[in-house]
Protein backbone atom coordinates (compact mmCIF):
# COMPACT_ATOMS: atom_id res chain seq x y z
CA ASN A 1 -0.75 -1.26 5.09
CA ILE A 2 1.32 -0.36 8.13
CA ASP A 3 3.32 -3.58 8.31
CA CYS A 4 6.32 -2.45 6.21
CA LEU A 5 6.09 -5.52 3.96
CA GLU A 6 7.01 -3.36 0.96
CA ARG A 7 10.27 -2.42 2.68
CA VAL A 8 10.94 -6.03 3.71
CA ALA A 9 10.45 -7.04 0.06
CA GLY A 10 13.09 -4.52 -0.97
CA VAL A 11 10.94 -1.76 -2.48
CA GLU A 12 12.89 1.51 -2.31
CA SER A 13 11.54 4.14 0.11
CA ASP A 14 11.05 6.72 -2.64
CA LEU A 15 8.58 4.34 -4.37
CA ILE A 16 6.41 3.85 -1.27
CA VAL A 17 3.55 6.04 -0.10
CA GLU A 18 2.57 4.85 3.36
CA ALA A 19 -0.83 6.51 3.44
CA HIS A 20 -1.73 4.89 6.76
CA GLY A 21 1.79 5.46 8.05
CA SER A 22 3.93 2.55 9.15
CA PHE A 23 5.97 1.01 11.91
CA HIS A 24 9.16 1.93 10.02
CA ALA A 25 9.82 4.82 12.41
CA ALA A 26 8.33 6.39 15.51
CA HIS A 27 8.28 9.86 17.02
CA CYS A 28 7.89 11.40 20.42
CA ILE A 29 4.37 12.82 20.71
CA GLY A 30 5.61 15.83 22.71
CA ASN A 31 4.60 18.92 20.71
CA LYS A 32 7.97 20.62 21.13
CA CYS A 33 10.13 17.50 20.95
CA ARG A 34 9.07 15.16 18.11
CA LYS A 35 12.35 13.21 18.39
CA GLU A 36 12.53 10.29 15.95
CA PHE A 37 13.14 6.73 17.14
CA PRO A 38 14.03 3.72 14.97
CA GLN A 39 11.72 0.77 14.46
CA ASP A 40 14.06 -1.65 16.26
CA TRP A 41 14.08 0.49 19.42
CA VAL A 42 10.26 0.65 19.54
CA ARG A 43 9.92 -3.07 18.77
CA GLU A 44 12.31 -3.97 21.59
CA LYS A 45 10.35 -1.82 24.07
CA ILE A 46 6.99 -3.28 23.05
CA PHE A 47 8.18 -6.90 23.00
CA ASN A 48 9.58 -6.39 26.50
CA ASP A 49 6.17 -5.10 27.67
CA SER A 50 7.62 -1.65 28.20
CA ILE A 51 5.83 1.53 27.16
CA PRO A 52 8.21 3.57 24.97
CA HIS A 53 9.04 6.97 26.43
CA CYS A 54 11.21 9.66 24.92
CA ASP A 55 14.68 9.86 26.45
CA LYS A 56 14.67 13.63 25.84
CA CYS A 57 11.31 14.81 27.29
CA ASN A 58 9.73 11.63 28.73
CA SER A 59 6.60 11.90 26.53
CA LEU A 60 5.21 8.79 24.88
CA VAL A 61 6.77 7.52 21.65
CA LYS A 62 4.25 6.46 19.00
CA PRO A 63 4.91 4.54 15.78
CA ASP A 64 4.27 6.69 12.71
CA ILE A 65 0.93 5.06 11.96
CA THR A 66 -2.23 7.01 11.19
CA PHE A 67 -5.05 6.38 13.65
CA PHE A 68 -8.70 6.96 12.77
CA GLY A 69 -9.38 10.70 12.81
CA GLU A 70 -5.74 11.71 12.31
CA GLY A 71 -4.60 13.48 9.15
CA LEU A 72 -2.90 11.52 6.40
CA PRO A 73 0.84 12.03 5.85
CA ALA A 74 1.84 14.99 3.67
CA ARG A 75 3.61 12.65 1.23
CA PHE A 76 0.24 11.11 0.31
CA PHE A 77 -1.08 14.49 -0.89
CA ASP A 78 2.25 15.62 -2.35
CA LEU A 79 2.39 12.68 -4.77
CA LEU A 80 -1.32 12.04 -5.37
CA GLU A 81 -1.88 14.10 -8.51
CA GLY A 82 1.41 13.38 -10.29
CA ASP A 83 1.49 9.66 -9.55
CA PHE A 84 -2.04 9.01 -10.76
CA ALA A 85 -1.66 11.25 -13.82
CA SER A 86 1.36 9.20 -14.96
CA CYS A 87 -0.08 5.78 -14.09
CA ASP A 88 0.06 3.29 -17.00
CA LEU A 89 -1.82 0.48 -15.23
CA LEU A 90 -3.64 0.50 -11.90
CA ILE A 91 -3.66 -2.78 -9.98
CA VAL A 92 -5.86 -2.89 -6.88
CA MET A 93 -5.53 -5.94 -4.63
CA GLY A 94 -7.03 -7.33 -1.44
CA THR A 95 -9.40 -4.53 -0.40
CA SER A 96 -12.97 -3.74 0.50
CA LEU A 97 -12.72 -0.28 -1.11
CA GLN A 98 -14.89 1.04 1.72
CA VAL A 99 -12.55 3.53 3.39
CA HIS A 100 -12.21 7.01 1.91
CA PRO A 101 -10.26 8.74 0.54
CA PHE A 102 -8.64 5.48 -0.60
CA ALA A 103 -11.80 3.99 -2.10
CA ALA A 104 -12.03 6.93 -4.51
CA LEU A 105 -8.42 6.69 -5.70
CA ILE A 106 -9.39 4.28 -8.47
CA ASN A 107 -11.07 7.27 -10.15
CA GLU A 108 -7.91 9.41 -10.11
CA VAL A 109 -6.14 7.73 -13.05
CA GLN A 110 -6.67 8.88 -16.63
CA SER A 111 -9.90 7.67 -18.25
CA THR A 112 -7.88 5.50 -20.64
CA THR A 113 -5.73 3.83 -17.95
CA PRO A 114 -6.47 0.09 -17.60
CA ARG A 115 -7.52 -0.95 -14.10
CA LEU A 116 -7.28 -4.46 -12.64
CA LEU A 117 -8.92 -5.60 -9.41
CA ILE A 118 -7.49 -8.77 -7.86
CA ASN A 119 -9.69 -9.64 -4.91
CA ARG A 120 -11.79 -12.33 -3.23
CA GLU A 121 -14.97 -10.37 -4.01
CA ARG A 122 -16.26 -7.72 -6.39
CA VAL A 123 -15.90 -4.27 -4.85
CA GLY A 124 -15.88 -0.64 -5.94
CA GLU A 125 -18.30 -1.04 -8.82
CA SER A 126 -19.91 1.89 -10.63
CA LYS A 127 -23.38 3.06 -9.97
CA THR A 128 -22.79 6.06 -12.25
CA ARG A 129 -20.48 6.76 -15.19
CA GLY A 130 -16.91 7.59 -14.19
CA MET A 131 -17.18 6.57 -10.54
CA GLY A 132 -15.74 3.19 -9.62
CA PHE A 133 -15.03 0.04 -11.59
CA ASP A 134 -17.13 -0.86 -14.62
CA PHE A 135 -16.33 -4.56 -15.07
CA ASP A 136 -19.27 -5.19 -17.38
CA GLY A 137 -18.67 -2.15 -19.62
CA SER A 138 -22.09 -0.70 -18.80
CA PHE A 139 -20.77 2.87 -18.82
CA ALA A 140 -17.96 2.54 -21.36
CA GLY A 141 -19.90 4.11 -24.24
CA SER A 142 -17.43 4.93 -27.02
CA MET A 143 -14.46 4.54 -24.65
CA PRO A 144 -12.52 1.26 -24.73
CA HIS A 145 -13.47 -1.08 -21.88
CA ARG A 146 -10.66 -0.73 -19.32
CA ASP A 147 -11.63 -2.59 -16.15
CA ALA A 148 -10.76 -6.23 -15.45
CA LEU A 149 -11.49 -8.46 -12.49
CA VAL A 150 -9.71 -11.53 -11.16
CA LEU A 151 -11.62 -13.13 -8.29
CA GLY A 152 -9.66 -15.29 -5.88
CA ASP A 153 -6.51 -15.39 -3.80
CA CYS A 154 -4.13 -12.48 -4.45
CA ASP A 155 -0.97 -14.64 -4.37
CA GLU A 156 -2.40 -17.12 -6.85
CA ALA A 157 -3.65 -14.33 -9.11
CA CYS A 158 -0.23 -12.66 -9.09
CA LEU A 159 1.39 -15.94 -10.07
CA LEU A 160 -1.16 -16.30 -12.88
CA LEU A 161 -0.48 -12.73 -14.04
CA ALA A 162 3.28 -13.35 -14.00
CA ASP A 163 2.74 -16.56 -15.99
CA ARG A 164 0.62 -14.80 -18.62
CA LEU A 165 3.26 -12.08 -18.97
CA ASP A 166 6.03 -14.71 -19.17
CA TRP A 167 7.57 -13.33 -15.94
CA THR A 168 7.33 -16.52 -13.85
CA ASP A 169 11.06 -17.27 -13.89
CA GLU A 170 11.90 -13.69 -12.95
CA LEU A 171 9.30 -13.63 -10.16
CA LEU A 172 10.43 -16.94 -8.70
CA GLY A 173 14.06 -15.77 -8.93
CA LEU A 174 13.24 -12.60 -7.02
CA ARG A 175 11.36 -14.65 -4.42
CA ALA A 176 14.29 -17.05 -3.97
CA ALA A 177 16.75 -14.14 -3.65
CA PHE A 178 14.49 -12.52 -1.07
CA ILE A 179 14.23 -15.74 0.97
CA ASP A 180 18.02 -16.22 0.83
CA LYS A 181 18.54 -12.62 2.00
CA GLN A 182 16.12 -13.11 4.89
CA LYS A 183 17.92 -16.29 5.97
CA LEU A 184 21.28 -14.47 5.99
CA GLU A 185 19.87 -11.59 8.04
CA HIS A 186 18.54 -13.95 10.70
CA ILE A 187 21.73 -15.97 11.18
């Protein structure tokens, strides 16, 4: 997602791969310039119905989001192989799994890595062995069944998961601390 919610929630930048880019920063689109502009500067321009222009070369300033047809950020490819190879559990939430290359990422983890889909509908299911989710174990063979599905609202499912892992108090504590921090920042 491009909305920076991970950053707002306090996730450290080095743990985030913004595959679609984000509004966290913006750059001048001038080929020779590429000056970086902060999110607050761009937001102020847009909310004041002003088109952001570079103060160095007067070209347009565009948030660092990836539009259809543009290449994905280098960080996505730099971390792809290592991150998925070391993944202990893959949780996929709130998606149609229709857009590639993202839809195929569920196949990048090790064949023994458990995968959990939390979603309003079943998506990404296998039609052949090794490609997509196999919720029913049709293609598991001698391998342990690794795919699980929770249908419903993502927030409710996350609360249920936290409860089952006995993490509810910790989760609610983190949520309360986050809300308190947001209140202080907006005073």
